[in-house]
């Protein structure tokens, strides 16, 4: 099978991270989590006391970002300047921050080259919100993974509670809808399905069913 660039886009809580990890392992591909890159920028800015509306300083952080991804067992760990920030970038604060910093054109421009360098050689699953439309528009296999608002909120709440964080379903649902509106309505690289993407609604599908569906798409494109 040819080594392809596989993009998985979609809204928060659709299951992209888990599905992308499972798919990468099944295909023996590398995994590039572009959402984690934006989360890492947000985390770095928050720790440095940089306002999330300071486009110039955020772009400088993005341009200097030292980020690496490494599978350790079944976990795709994220390292920034050598520090494992896998858990730190998954907090609600980092999630909301990522959505805010990703709206700035200068930040997106600074990270575009980094993302293409990390994934452009193929044999990679790339997960995010604009990977098939902007980052890798010529990717050979594109998927837009989605689910209902309510199902995405339920999944996110379970994830937070599993991590020992309190979560209220209505609060999580409101945050997801606010983030969807920002991501889909921004002027630069709004979240949308690429014209040639396969749309997969995972609302009533098991994780295994979703992974099998995506693997089928990839193997068909690799013929």
N, C-alpha and C. Protein backbone atom coordinates (compact mmCIF):
# COMPACT_ATOMS: atom_id res chain seq x y z
N UNK A 1 0.84 -1.20 0.00
CA UNK A 1 0.00 0.00 0.00
C UNK A 1 0.87 1.24 0.00
N UNK A 2 0.52 2.21 -0.85
CA UNK A 2 1.27 3.46 -0.90
C UNK A 2 1.15 4.21 0.42
N UNK A 3 2.20 4.94 0.77
CA UNK A 3 2.19 5.74 2.00
C UNK A 3 1.51 7.07 1.71
N UNK A 4 0.32 7.26 2.24
CA UNK A 4 -0.49 8.43 1.94
C UNK A 4 -0.46 9.46 3.06
N UNK A 5 -0.89 10.67 2.74
CA UNK A 5 -1.24 11.66 3.75
C UNK A 5 -2.74 11.52 3.97
N UNK A 6 -3.13 11.18 5.19
CA UNK A 6 -4.54 10.98 5.55
C UNK A 6 -4.96 12.11 6.48
N UNK A 7 -5.99 12.86 6.10
CA UNK A 7 -6.44 13.96 6.95
C UNK A 7 -7.79 13.60 7.58
N UNK A 8 -7.93 13.94 8.86
CA UNK A 8 -9.18 13.75 9.58
C UNK A 8 -9.55 15.08 10.22
N UNK A 9 -10.57 15.73 9.68
CA UNK A 9 -11.04 17.00 10.22
C UNK A 9 -12.40 16.79 10.88
N UNK A 10 -12.82 17.80 11.64
CA UNK A 10 -14.13 17.73 12.27
C UNK A 10 -14.19 18.56 13.52
N UNK A 11 -15.38 18.71 14.09
CA UNK A 11 -15.56 19.55 15.28
C UNK A 11 -15.06 18.89 16.55
N UNK A 12 -14.97 19.68 17.61
CA UNK A 12 -14.54 19.18 18.92
C UNK A 12 -15.48 18.08 19.41
N UNK A 13 -14.91 17.02 19.96
CA UNK A 13 -15.71 15.96 20.54
C UNK A 13 -16.21 14.92 19.56
N UNK A 14 -15.79 15.01 18.30
CA UNK A 14 -16.25 14.04 17.31
C UNK A 14 -15.50 12.72 17.41
N UNK A 15 -14.41 12.71 18.19
CA UNK A 15 -13.62 11.50 18.35
C UNK A 15 -12.40 11.44 17.49
N UNK A 16 -12.00 12.59 16.92
CA UNK A 16 -10.88 12.62 15.98
C UNK A 16 -9.59 12.09 16.59
N UNK A 17 -9.27 12.52 17.81
CA UNK A 17 -7.99 12.13 18.41
C UNK A 17 -7.89 10.63 18.61
N UNK A 18 -8.94 10.04 19.18
CA UNK A 18 -8.93 8.59 19.44
C UNK A 18 -8.92 7.81 18.14
N UNK A 19 -9.75 8.22 17.18
CA UNK A 19 -9.83 7.52 15.90
C UNK A 19 -8.51 7.65 15.14
N UNK A 20 -7.94 8.85 15.12
CA UNK A 20 -6.68 9.06 14.41
C UNK A 20 -5.57 8.19 14.99
N UNK A 21 -5.53 8.09 16.31
CA UNK A 21 -4.51 7.26 16.96
C UNK A 21 -4.68 5.79 16.57
N UNK A 22 -5.91 5.30 16.66
CA UNK A 22 -6.17 3.90 16.32
C UNK A 22 -5.86 3.62 14.86
N UNK A 23 -6.25 4.56 13.99
CA UNK A 23 -6.02 4.38 12.56
C UNK A 23 -4.52 4.37 12.25
N UNK A 24 -3.78 5.30 12.85
CA UNK A 24 -2.34 5.36 12.62
C UNK A 24 -1.67 4.06 13.05
N UNK A 25 -2.09 3.51 14.17
CA UNK A 25 -1.50 2.26 14.65
C UNK A 25 -1.83 1.11 13.71
N UNK A 26 -3.06 1.07 13.20
CA UNK A 26 -3.46 -0.01 12.30
C UNK A 26 -2.71 0.06 10.97
N UNK A 27 -2.46 1.27 10.50
CA UNK A 27 -1.77 1.46 9.22
C UNK A 27 -0.26 1.49 9.37
N UNK A 28 0.23 1.53 10.62
CA UNK A 28 1.64 1.71 10.92
C UNK A 28 2.12 3.05 10.35
N UNK A 29 1.31 4.07 10.53
CA UNK A 29 1.60 5.44 10.11
C UNK A 29 2.01 6.27 11.33
N UNK A 30 2.64 7.40 11.08
CA UNK A 30 2.88 8.39 12.12
C UNK A 30 1.59 9.17 12.36
N UNK A 31 1.48 9.80 13.52
CA UNK A 31 0.29 10.58 13.86
C UNK A 31 0.69 12.02 14.14
N UNK A 32 0.08 12.94 13.39
CA UNK A 32 0.32 14.38 13.58
C UNK A 32 -0.98 15.02 14.03
N UNK A 33 -1.03 15.45 15.28
CA UNK A 33 -2.22 16.08 15.86
C UNK A 33 -2.06 17.59 15.76
N UNK A 34 -2.66 18.18 14.71
CA UNK A 34 -2.49 19.62 14.52
C UNK A 34 -3.22 20.41 15.61
N UNK A 35 -4.31 19.84 16.13
CA UNK A 35 -4.99 20.52 17.23
C UNK A 35 -4.09 20.64 18.44
N UNK A 36 -3.26 19.63 18.67
CA UNK A 36 -2.33 19.68 19.80
C UNK A 36 -1.31 20.79 19.61
N UNK A 37 -0.97 21.10 18.37
CA UNK A 37 -0.02 22.17 18.10
C UNK A 37 -0.62 23.51 18.54
N UNK A 38 -1.89 23.74 18.18
CA UNK A 38 -2.55 24.98 18.60
C UNK A 38 -2.76 25.01 20.10
N UNK A 39 -3.06 23.86 20.69
CA UNK A 39 -3.19 23.80 22.14
C UNK A 39 -1.86 24.14 22.81
N UNK A 40 -0.78 23.67 22.21
CA UNK A 40 0.55 23.93 22.77
C UNK A 40 0.88 25.41 22.70
N UNK A 41 0.48 26.07 21.62
CA UNK A 41 0.68 27.52 21.52
C UNK A 41 -0.12 28.23 22.61
N UNK A 42 -1.38 27.81 22.77
CA UNK A 42 -2.23 28.43 23.80
C UNK A 42 -1.66 28.21 25.19
N UNK A 43 -1.22 26.98 25.47
CA UNK A 43 -0.65 26.68 26.79
C UNK A 43 0.60 27.52 27.05
N UNK A 44 1.45 27.61 26.05
CA UNK A 44 2.68 28.39 26.20
C UNK A 44 2.36 29.86 26.46
N UNK A 45 1.36 30.37 25.74
CA UNK A 45 0.97 31.77 25.92
C UNK A 45 0.39 32.00 27.32
N UNK A 46 -0.49 31.10 27.75
CA UNK A 46 -1.11 31.24 29.07
C UNK A 46 -0.05 31.21 30.17
N UNK A 47 0.89 30.29 30.04
CA UNK A 47 1.95 30.20 31.05
C UNK A 47 2.83 31.44 31.06
N UNK A 48 2.99 32.06 29.89
CA UNK A 48 3.85 33.24 29.79
C UNK A 48 3.10 34.54 30.07
N UNK A 49 1.79 34.42 30.34
CA UNK A 49 1.00 35.61 30.60
C UNK A 49 0.70 36.43 29.36
N UNK A 50 0.75 35.81 28.20
CA UNK A 50 0.46 36.51 26.94
C UNK A 50 -1.03 36.45 26.67
N UNK A 51 -1.64 37.58 26.40
CA UNK A 51 -3.07 37.64 26.13
C UNK A 51 -3.40 36.89 24.85
N UNK A 52 -4.53 36.22 24.84
CA UNK A 52 -4.90 35.42 23.67
C UNK A 52 -5.47 36.25 22.54
N UNK A 53 -5.46 37.58 22.69
CA UNK A 53 -5.83 38.47 21.59
C UNK A 53 -4.63 39.28 21.10
N UNK A 54 -3.43 38.92 21.59
CA UNK A 54 -2.20 39.59 21.17
C UNK A 54 -1.61 38.82 20.00
N UNK A 55 -2.08 39.12 18.80
CA UNK A 55 -1.72 38.33 17.63
C UNK A 55 -0.22 38.28 17.38
N UNK A 56 0.45 39.40 17.51
CA UNK A 56 1.88 39.45 17.22
C UNK A 56 2.69 38.55 18.16
N UNK A 57 2.40 38.63 19.46
CA UNK A 57 3.16 37.81 20.42
C UNK A 57 2.80 36.33 20.29
N UNK A 58 1.54 36.05 19.98
CA UNK A 58 1.14 34.66 19.75
C UNK A 58 1.84 34.08 18.53
N UNK A 59 1.96 34.89 17.49
CA UNK A 59 2.65 34.44 16.27
C UNK A 59 4.12 34.16 16.55
N UNK A 60 4.72 34.97 17.41
CA UNK A 60 6.12 34.76 17.78
C UNK A 60 6.27 33.44 18.53
N UNK A 61 5.32 33.14 19.42
CA UNK A 61 5.35 31.86 20.14
C UNK A 61 5.21 30.70 19.16
N UNK A 62 4.29 30.85 18.21
CA UNK A 62 4.06 29.79 17.22
C UNK A 62 5.30 29.55 16.37
N UNK A 63 5.95 30.64 15.96
CA UNK A 63 7.12 30.52 15.10
C UNK A 63 8.29 29.82 15.80
N UNK A 64 8.36 29.98 17.11
CA UNK A 64 9.47 29.41 17.88
C UNK A 64 9.11 28.08 18.54
N UNK A 65 7.92 27.57 18.28
CA UNK A 65 7.44 26.38 18.99
C UNK A 65 8.31 25.16 18.71
N UNK A 66 8.80 24.56 19.77
CA UNK A 66 9.62 23.33 19.68
C UNK A 66 8.73 22.17 20.12
N UNK A 67 8.10 21.51 19.15
CA UNK A 67 7.12 20.48 19.47
C UNK A 67 7.49 19.16 18.82
N UNK A 68 7.19 18.09 19.51
CA UNK A 68 7.51 16.75 19.01
C UNK A 68 6.41 15.79 19.44
N UNK A 69 6.16 14.77 18.62
CA UNK A 69 5.16 13.74 18.92
C UNK A 69 5.85 12.38 18.97
N UNK A 70 5.54 11.61 20.00
CA UNK A 70 6.13 10.27 20.11
C UNK A 70 5.14 9.30 20.71
N UNK A 71 4.93 8.18 20.03
CA UNK A 71 4.09 7.13 20.60
C UNK A 71 4.85 6.46 21.74
N UNK A 72 4.19 6.35 22.87
CA UNK A 72 4.71 5.57 24.00
C UNK A 72 3.60 4.59 24.34
N UNK A 73 3.79 3.35 23.91
CA UNK A 73 2.70 2.39 23.98
C UNK A 73 1.63 2.82 23.00
N UNK A 74 0.41 2.98 23.48
CA UNK A 74 -0.69 3.41 22.62
C UNK A 74 -1.02 4.89 22.77
N UNK A 75 -0.17 5.61 23.47
CA UNK A 75 -0.42 7.04 23.71
C UNK A 75 0.53 7.88 22.85
N UNK A 76 -0.04 8.81 22.09
CA UNK A 76 0.76 9.73 21.28
C UNK A 76 1.10 10.94 22.16
N UNK A 77 2.29 10.90 22.76
CA UNK A 77 2.68 11.97 23.69
C UNK A 77 3.13 13.21 22.94
N UNK A 78 2.84 14.36 23.54
CA UNK A 78 3.20 15.65 22.97
C UNK A 78 4.25 16.30 23.87
N UNK A 79 5.35 16.70 23.27
CA UNK A 79 6.43 17.34 24.02
C UNK A 79 6.66 18.74 23.49
N UNK A 80 6.77 19.69 24.39
CA UNK A 80 7.12 21.06 24.03
C UNK A 80 8.40 21.42 24.77
N UNK A 81 9.44 21.72 24.00
CA UNK A 81 10.75 22.02 24.58
C UNK A 81 11.18 20.91 25.54
N UNK A 82 10.87 19.67 25.16
CA UNK A 82 11.28 18.52 25.95
C UNK A 82 10.35 18.15 27.09
N UNK A 83 9.34 18.99 27.40
CA UNK A 83 8.40 18.71 28.48
C UNK A 83 7.18 17.97 27.94
N UNK A 84 6.79 16.91 28.61
CA UNK A 84 5.59 16.18 28.23
C UNK A 84 4.36 16.98 28.66
N UNK A 85 3.64 17.54 27.68
CA UNK A 85 2.47 18.37 27.98
C UNK A 85 1.18 17.68 27.54
N UNK A 86 1.22 16.37 27.37
CA UNK A 86 0.08 15.62 26.87
C UNK A 86 -1.18 15.89 27.67
N UNK A 87 -1.08 15.90 28.99
CA UNK A 87 -2.25 16.16 29.84
C UNK A 87 -2.54 17.66 29.94
N UNK A 88 -1.51 18.47 30.02
CA UNK A 88 -1.69 19.91 30.22
C UNK A 88 -2.44 20.58 29.09
N UNK A 89 -2.28 20.09 27.86
CA UNK A 89 -2.95 20.74 26.72
C UNK A 89 -4.39 20.28 26.55
N UNK A 90 -4.86 19.35 27.40
CA UNK A 90 -6.22 18.83 27.27
C UNK A 90 -7.19 19.44 28.29
N UNK A 91 -6.75 20.43 29.04
CA UNK A 91 -7.64 21.07 30.00
C UNK A 91 -8.64 21.95 29.25
N UNK A 92 -9.80 22.25 29.84
CA UNK A 92 -10.75 23.16 29.19
C UNK A 92 -10.14 24.51 28.84
N UNK A 93 -9.27 25.02 29.71
CA UNK A 93 -8.62 26.31 29.45
C UNK A 93 -7.77 26.25 28.19
N UNK A 94 -7.00 25.18 28.03
CA UNK A 94 -6.17 25.04 26.84
C UNK A 94 -7.03 24.82 25.60
N UNK A 95 -8.13 24.08 25.75
CA UNK A 95 -9.02 23.83 24.62
C UNK A 95 -9.64 25.13 24.10
N UNK A 96 -10.18 25.94 25.01
CA UNK A 96 -10.76 27.21 24.60
C UNK A 96 -9.69 28.15 24.06
N UNK A 97 -8.50 28.10 24.68
CA UNK A 97 -7.40 28.93 24.20
C UNK A 97 -6.97 28.57 22.80
N UNK A 98 -6.96 27.28 22.49
CA UNK A 98 -6.57 26.84 21.15
C UNK A 98 -7.51 27.38 20.10
N UNK A 99 -8.81 27.37 20.40
CA UNK A 99 -9.79 27.89 19.46
C UNK A 99 -9.58 29.38 19.22
N UNK A 100 -9.21 30.10 20.27
CA UNK A 100 -8.99 31.54 20.14
C UNK A 100 -7.72 31.86 19.36
N UNK A 101 -6.61 31.20 19.70
CA UNK A 101 -5.35 31.54 19.03
C UNK A 101 -5.37 31.10 17.56
N UNK A 102 -6.14 30.04 17.25
CA UNK A 102 -6.18 29.54 15.87
C UNK A 102 -6.92 30.48 14.93
N UNK A 103 -7.65 31.45 15.49
CA UNK A 103 -8.38 32.40 14.66
C UNK A 103 -7.48 33.49 14.08
N UNK A 104 -6.24 33.61 14.60
CA UNK A 104 -5.36 34.69 14.17
C UNK A 104 -4.56 34.27 12.93
N UNK A 105 -4.66 35.03 11.83
CA UNK A 105 -3.94 34.68 10.59
C UNK A 105 -2.44 34.53 10.79
N UNK A 106 -1.83 35.38 11.59
CA UNK A 106 -0.38 35.33 11.77
C UNK A 106 0.04 34.04 12.48
N UNK A 107 -0.79 33.55 13.38
CA UNK A 107 -0.49 32.30 14.07
C UNK A 107 -0.59 31.13 13.10
N UNK A 108 -1.66 31.12 12.30
CA UNK A 108 -1.85 30.03 11.35
C UNK A 108 -0.73 30.00 10.32
N UNK A 109 -0.32 31.18 9.88
CA UNK A 109 0.77 31.25 8.90
C UNK A 109 2.07 30.72 9.50
N UNK A 110 2.32 31.04 10.76
CA UNK A 110 3.55 30.60 11.41
C UNK A 110 3.60 29.09 11.56
N UNK A 111 2.43 28.48 11.77
CA UNK A 111 2.39 27.03 12.01
C UNK A 111 2.22 26.20 10.75
N UNK A 112 1.82 26.84 9.65
CA UNK A 112 1.54 26.07 8.43
C UNK A 112 2.79 25.34 7.94
N UNK A 113 3.90 26.04 7.87
CA UNK A 113 5.14 25.41 7.40
C UNK A 113 5.56 24.27 8.32
N UNK A 114 5.42 24.47 9.62
CA UNK A 114 5.77 23.42 10.59
C UNK A 114 4.94 22.16 10.35
N UNK A 115 3.64 22.33 10.18
CA UNK A 115 2.76 21.19 9.97
C UNK A 115 3.10 20.44 8.68
N UNK A 116 3.34 21.18 7.63
CA UNK A 116 3.67 20.54 6.35
C UNK A 116 5.01 19.83 6.41
N UNK A 117 5.95 20.40 7.14
CA UNK A 117 7.25 19.75 7.29
C UNK A 117 7.13 18.45 8.07
N UNK A 118 6.29 18.46 9.10
CA UNK A 118 6.13 17.28 9.93
C UNK A 118 5.38 16.15 9.22
N UNK A 119 4.46 16.51 8.30
CA UNK A 119 3.62 15.47 7.70
C UNK A 119 3.71 15.28 6.21
N UNK A 120 4.46 16.13 5.52
CA UNK A 120 4.44 16.13 4.07
C UNK A 120 5.02 14.93 3.36
N UNK A 121 5.80 14.11 4.06
CA UNK A 121 6.45 12.98 3.39
C UNK A 121 5.55 11.77 3.23
N UNK A 122 4.34 11.82 3.78
CA UNK A 122 3.40 10.71 3.65
C UNK A 122 3.55 9.70 4.77
N UNK A 123 2.70 8.68 4.71
CA UNK A 123 2.70 7.69 5.79
C UNK A 123 2.32 8.31 7.11
N UNK A 124 1.33 9.23 7.06
CA UNK A 124 0.97 9.99 8.26
C UNK A 124 -0.53 10.21 8.31
N UNK A 125 -1.09 10.14 9.51
CA UNK A 125 -2.48 10.53 9.76
C UNK A 125 -2.44 11.89 10.43
N UNK A 126 -3.12 12.86 9.82
CA UNK A 126 -3.10 14.23 10.32
C UNK A 126 -4.50 14.58 10.81
N UNK A 127 -4.59 15.05 12.04
CA UNK A 127 -5.89 15.33 12.65
C UNK A 127 -6.01 16.77 13.05
N UNK A 128 -7.15 17.39 12.72
CA UNK A 128 -7.34 18.79 13.08
C UNK A 128 -8.68 19.32 12.62
N UNK A 129 -8.70 20.58 12.17
CA UNK A 129 -9.95 21.20 11.71
C UNK A 129 -9.86 21.72 10.29
N UNK A 130 -8.64 21.94 9.78
CA UNK A 130 -8.51 22.41 8.40
C UNK A 130 -7.39 21.67 7.67
N UNK A 131 -7.12 20.44 8.10
CA UNK A 131 -5.98 19.72 7.52
C UNK A 131 -6.23 19.32 6.07
N UNK A 132 -7.49 19.04 5.73
CA UNK A 132 -7.79 18.64 4.36
C UNK A 132 -8.11 19.81 3.45
N UNK A 133 -8.41 20.97 4.02
CA UNK A 133 -8.75 22.14 3.21
C UNK A 133 -7.60 23.11 3.03
N UNK A 134 -6.75 23.24 4.07
CA UNK A 134 -5.69 24.25 4.03
C UNK A 134 -4.29 23.64 4.16
N UNK A 135 -4.08 22.82 5.18
CA UNK A 135 -2.73 22.33 5.47
C UNK A 135 -2.25 21.36 4.40
N UNK A 136 -3.09 20.36 4.09
CA UNK A 136 -2.75 19.37 3.08
C UNK A 136 -3.89 19.27 2.06
N UNK A 137 -4.08 20.30 1.23
CA UNK A 137 -5.20 20.27 0.27
C UNK A 137 -5.06 19.18 -0.78
N UNK A 138 -3.84 18.66 -0.97
CA UNK A 138 -3.63 17.60 -1.96
C UNK A 138 -3.53 16.22 -1.32
N UNK A 139 -3.93 16.10 -0.06
CA UNK A 139 -3.90 14.80 0.62
C UNK A 139 -4.71 13.77 -0.17
N UNK A 140 -4.20 12.54 -0.18
CA UNK A 140 -4.85 11.51 -0.99
C UNK A 140 -6.09 10.92 -0.35
N UNK A 141 -6.22 11.02 0.97
CA UNK A 141 -7.39 10.47 1.68
C UNK A 141 -7.85 11.48 2.72
N UNK A 142 -9.09 11.97 2.56
CA UNK A 142 -9.62 12.99 3.48
C UNK A 142 -10.93 12.52 4.09
N UNK A 143 -11.05 12.74 5.40
CA UNK A 143 -12.27 12.38 6.11
C UNK A 143 -12.71 13.58 6.96
N UNK A 144 -14.02 13.82 6.99
CA UNK A 144 -14.59 14.80 7.92
C UNK A 144 -15.43 14.01 8.90
N UNK A 145 -14.95 13.94 10.14
CA UNK A 145 -15.60 13.13 11.18
C UNK A 145 -16.45 14.03 12.06
N UNK A 146 -17.71 13.68 12.21
CA UNK A 146 -18.60 14.52 13.00
C UNK A 146 -19.51 13.65 13.86
N UNK A 147 -20.34 14.31 14.67
CA UNK A 147 -21.35 13.64 15.51
C UNK A 147 -22.28 14.74 15.99
N UNK A 148 -23.41 14.35 16.55
CA UNK A 148 -24.36 15.35 17.05
C UNK A 148 -23.74 16.14 18.20
N UNK A 149 -24.26 17.35 18.41
CA UNK A 149 -23.76 18.20 19.49
C UNK A 149 -23.86 17.46 20.83
N UNK A 150 -25.01 16.85 21.07
CA UNK A 150 -25.26 16.19 22.35
C UNK A 150 -24.31 15.01 22.57
N UNK A 151 -24.07 14.25 21.53
CA UNK A 151 -23.18 13.11 21.67
C UNK A 151 -21.75 13.57 21.90
N UNK A 152 -21.34 14.63 21.23
CA UNK A 152 -19.99 15.15 21.43
C UNK A 152 -19.81 15.69 22.84
N UNK A 153 -20.84 16.34 23.36
CA UNK A 153 -20.77 16.86 24.73
C UNK A 153 -20.68 15.71 25.73
N UNK A 154 -21.45 14.66 25.50
CA UNK A 154 -21.42 13.51 26.41
C UNK A 154 -20.04 12.88 26.43
N UNK A 155 -19.44 12.72 25.25
CA UNK A 155 -18.11 12.12 25.18
C UNK A 155 -17.08 12.98 25.89
N UNK A 156 -17.16 14.30 25.66
CA UNK A 156 -16.20 15.21 26.28
C UNK A 156 -16.35 15.19 27.80
N UNK A 157 -17.59 15.15 28.29
CA UNK A 157 -17.83 15.11 29.72
C UNK A 157 -17.22 13.84 30.33
N UNK A 158 -17.40 12.71 29.66
CA UNK A 158 -16.83 11.46 30.16
C UNK A 158 -15.31 11.52 30.18
N UNK A 159 -14.74 12.15 29.16
CA UNK A 159 -13.27 12.30 29.11
C UNK A 159 -12.77 13.13 30.28
N UNK A 160 -13.46 14.23 30.57
CA UNK A 160 -13.05 15.10 31.67
C UNK A 160 -13.19 14.39 33.01
N UNK A 161 -14.30 13.70 33.20
CA UNK A 161 -14.51 12.99 34.46
C UNK A 161 -13.52 11.86 34.64
N UNK A 162 -13.17 11.19 33.54
CA UNK A 162 -12.18 10.12 33.62
C UNK A 162 -10.82 10.66 34.05
N UNK A 163 -10.58 11.94 33.72
CA UNK A 163 -9.33 12.59 34.10
C UNK A 163 -9.40 13.23 35.48
N UNK A 164 -10.51 12.97 36.20
CA UNK A 164 -10.63 13.50 37.55
C UNK A 164 -11.12 14.92 37.64
N UNK A 165 -11.67 15.46 36.52
CA UNK A 165 -12.14 16.84 36.51
C UNK A 165 -13.67 16.84 36.51
N UNK A 166 -14.25 17.69 37.34
CA UNK A 166 -15.69 17.81 37.39
C UNK A 166 -16.22 18.41 36.09
N UNK A 167 -17.39 17.95 35.64
CA UNK A 167 -17.94 18.47 34.40
C UNK A 167 -19.46 18.38 34.44
N UNK A 168 -20.12 19.42 33.95
CA UNK A 168 -21.57 19.45 33.85
C UNK A 168 -21.94 19.39 32.38
N UNK A 169 -22.89 18.52 32.03
CA UNK A 169 -23.23 18.30 30.63
C UNK A 169 -23.67 19.57 29.92
N UNK A 170 -24.50 20.37 30.57
CA UNK A 170 -24.97 21.59 29.93
C UNK A 170 -23.83 22.58 29.68
N UNK A 171 -22.89 22.67 30.63
CA UNK A 171 -21.74 23.56 30.45
C UNK A 171 -20.86 23.08 29.30
N UNK A 172 -20.63 21.78 29.24
CA UNK A 172 -19.80 21.22 28.17
C UNK A 172 -20.47 21.43 26.83
N UNK A 173 -21.79 21.21 26.76
CA UNK A 173 -22.53 21.40 25.51
C UNK A 173 -22.44 22.85 25.05
N UNK A 174 -22.59 23.79 25.99
CA UNK A 174 -22.48 25.20 25.63
C UNK A 174 -21.09 25.54 25.10
N UNK A 175 -20.05 25.03 25.74
CA UNK A 175 -18.68 25.29 25.31
C UNK A 175 -18.43 24.72 23.91
N UNK A 176 -18.96 23.54 23.65
CA UNK A 176 -18.77 22.92 22.34
C UNK A 176 -19.45 23.74 21.25
N UNK A 177 -20.66 24.20 21.54
CA UNK A 177 -21.38 25.00 20.53
C UNK A 177 -20.70 26.34 20.31
N UNK A 178 -20.17 26.95 21.37
CA UNK A 178 -19.44 28.20 21.21
C UNK A 178 -18.18 27.99 20.37
N UNK A 179 -17.50 26.88 20.63
CA UNK A 179 -16.28 26.61 19.88
C UNK A 179 -16.60 26.31 18.42
N UNK A 180 -17.66 25.55 18.18
CA UNK A 180 -18.07 25.27 16.80
C UNK A 180 -18.32 26.57 16.04
N UNK A 181 -19.03 27.50 16.69
CA UNK A 181 -19.36 28.77 16.04
C UNK A 181 -18.10 29.55 15.71
N UNK A 182 -17.15 29.57 16.62
CA UNK A 182 -15.89 30.27 16.36
C UNK A 182 -15.12 29.60 15.23
N UNK A 183 -15.00 28.28 15.30
CA UNK A 183 -14.19 27.56 14.33
C UNK A 183 -14.78 27.62 12.92
N UNK A 184 -16.10 27.55 12.83
CA UNK A 184 -16.75 27.56 11.52
C UNK A 184 -16.92 28.98 10.98
N UNK A 185 -16.94 29.98 11.88
CA UNK A 185 -17.22 31.34 11.45
C UNK A 185 -16.01 32.23 11.27
N UNK A 186 -14.82 31.72 11.59
CA UNK A 186 -13.64 32.59 11.48
C UNK A 186 -13.34 32.90 10.02
N UNK A 187 -12.72 34.05 9.80
CA UNK A 187 -12.43 34.50 8.44
C UNK A 187 -11.33 33.67 7.79
N UNK A 188 -10.37 33.23 8.59
CA UNK A 188 -9.23 32.48 8.06
C UNK A 188 -9.42 30.98 8.32
N UNK A 189 -9.38 30.18 7.25
CA UNK A 189 -9.45 28.72 7.34
C UNK A 189 -10.59 28.24 8.24
N UNK A 190 -11.82 28.61 7.92
CA UNK A 190 -12.94 28.13 8.74
C UNK A 190 -13.06 26.61 8.67
N UNK A 191 -13.55 26.03 9.75
CA UNK A 191 -13.73 24.58 9.77
C UNK A 191 -14.87 24.18 8.82
N UNK A 192 -14.55 23.33 7.87
CA UNK A 192 -15.55 22.80 6.96
C UNK A 192 -15.01 21.53 6.34
N UNK A 193 -15.89 20.74 5.77
CA UNK A 193 -15.45 19.53 5.08
C UNK A 193 -14.87 19.91 3.73
N UNK A 194 -13.72 19.33 3.38
CA UNK A 194 -13.16 19.53 2.05
C UNK A 194 -14.13 18.96 1.02
N UNK A 195 -14.12 19.54 -0.17
CA UNK A 195 -15.04 19.09 -1.21
C UNK A 195 -14.88 17.61 -1.54
N UNK A 196 -13.65 17.10 -1.40
CA UNK A 196 -13.39 15.70 -1.74
C UNK A 196 -13.26 14.81 -0.49
N UNK A 197 -13.75 15.30 0.65
CA UNK A 197 -13.68 14.50 1.88
C UNK A 197 -14.85 13.54 1.98
N UNK A 198 -14.61 12.41 2.62
CA UNK A 198 -15.68 11.47 2.96
C UNK A 198 -16.21 11.89 4.33
N UNK A 199 -17.52 12.14 4.43
CA UNK A 199 -18.12 12.57 5.69
C UNK A 199 -18.60 11.35 6.46
N UNK A 200 -18.14 11.23 7.70
CA UNK A 200 -18.51 10.11 8.56
C UNK A 200 -19.15 10.66 9.82
N UNK A 201 -20.42 10.30 10.06
CA UNK A 201 -21.14 10.70 11.27
C UNK A 201 -21.04 9.55 12.27
N UNK A 202 -20.32 9.80 13.36
CA UNK A 202 -20.03 8.74 14.32
C UNK A 202 -21.03 8.68 15.46
N UNK A 203 -22.13 9.43 15.37
CA UNK A 203 -23.08 9.54 16.50
C UNK A 203 -23.54 8.19 17.02
N UNK A 204 -23.82 7.26 16.12
CA UNK A 204 -24.35 5.95 16.52
C UNK A 204 -23.39 4.82 16.21
N UNK A 205 -22.12 5.16 15.95
CA UNK A 205 -21.13 4.15 15.59
C UNK A 205 -20.20 3.88 16.77
N UNK A 206 -19.76 2.64 16.90
CA UNK A 206 -18.75 2.33 17.90
C UNK A 206 -17.39 2.80 17.39
N UNK A 207 -16.44 2.90 18.30
CA UNK A 207 -15.09 3.31 17.92
C UNK A 207 -14.52 2.36 16.87
N UNK A 208 -14.67 1.07 17.07
CA UNK A 208 -14.14 0.10 16.10
C UNK A 208 -14.78 0.28 14.73
N UNK A 209 -16.08 0.55 14.70
CA UNK A 209 -16.77 0.74 13.42
C UNK A 209 -16.24 1.97 12.68
N UNK A 210 -15.97 3.03 13.42
CA UNK A 210 -15.43 4.24 12.80
C UNK A 210 -14.04 3.99 12.23
N UNK A 211 -13.20 3.32 13.00
CA UNK A 211 -11.83 3.05 12.55
C UNK A 211 -11.84 2.18 11.30
N UNK A 212 -12.68 1.16 11.29
CA UNK A 212 -12.78 0.28 10.12
C UNK A 212 -13.25 1.07 8.89
N UNK A 213 -14.22 1.96 9.08
CA UNK A 213 -14.72 2.77 7.97
C UNK A 213 -13.62 3.64 7.39
N UNK A 214 -12.82 4.25 8.27
CA UNK A 214 -11.75 5.12 7.79
C UNK A 214 -10.63 4.31 7.15
N UNK A 215 -10.32 3.16 7.71
CA UNK A 215 -9.28 2.32 7.12
C UNK A 215 -9.69 1.89 5.72
N UNK A 216 -10.97 1.61 5.52
CA UNK A 216 -11.47 1.24 4.20
C UNK A 216 -11.26 2.37 3.20
N UNK A 217 -11.55 3.60 3.64
CA UNK A 217 -11.34 4.76 2.79
C UNK A 217 -9.88 4.88 2.36
N UNK A 218 -8.97 4.72 3.33
CA UNK A 218 -7.54 4.85 3.05
C UNK A 218 -7.07 3.76 2.08
N UNK A 219 -7.47 2.56 2.33
CA UNK A 219 -6.99 1.45 1.48
C UNK A 219 -7.56 1.55 0.06
N UNK A 220 -8.76 2.08 -0.08
CA UNK A 220 -9.31 2.30 -1.42
C UNK A 220 -8.51 3.37 -2.17
N UNK A 221 -8.12 4.43 -1.44
CA UNK A 221 -7.36 5.51 -2.08
C UNK A 221 -5.93 5.07 -2.42
N UNK A 222 -5.44 4.08 -1.71
CA UNK A 222 -4.04 3.65 -1.91
C UNK A 222 -3.88 2.65 -3.04
N UNK A 223 -4.95 2.23 -3.64
CA UNK A 223 -4.87 1.25 -4.74
C UNK A 223 -4.20 1.83 -5.97
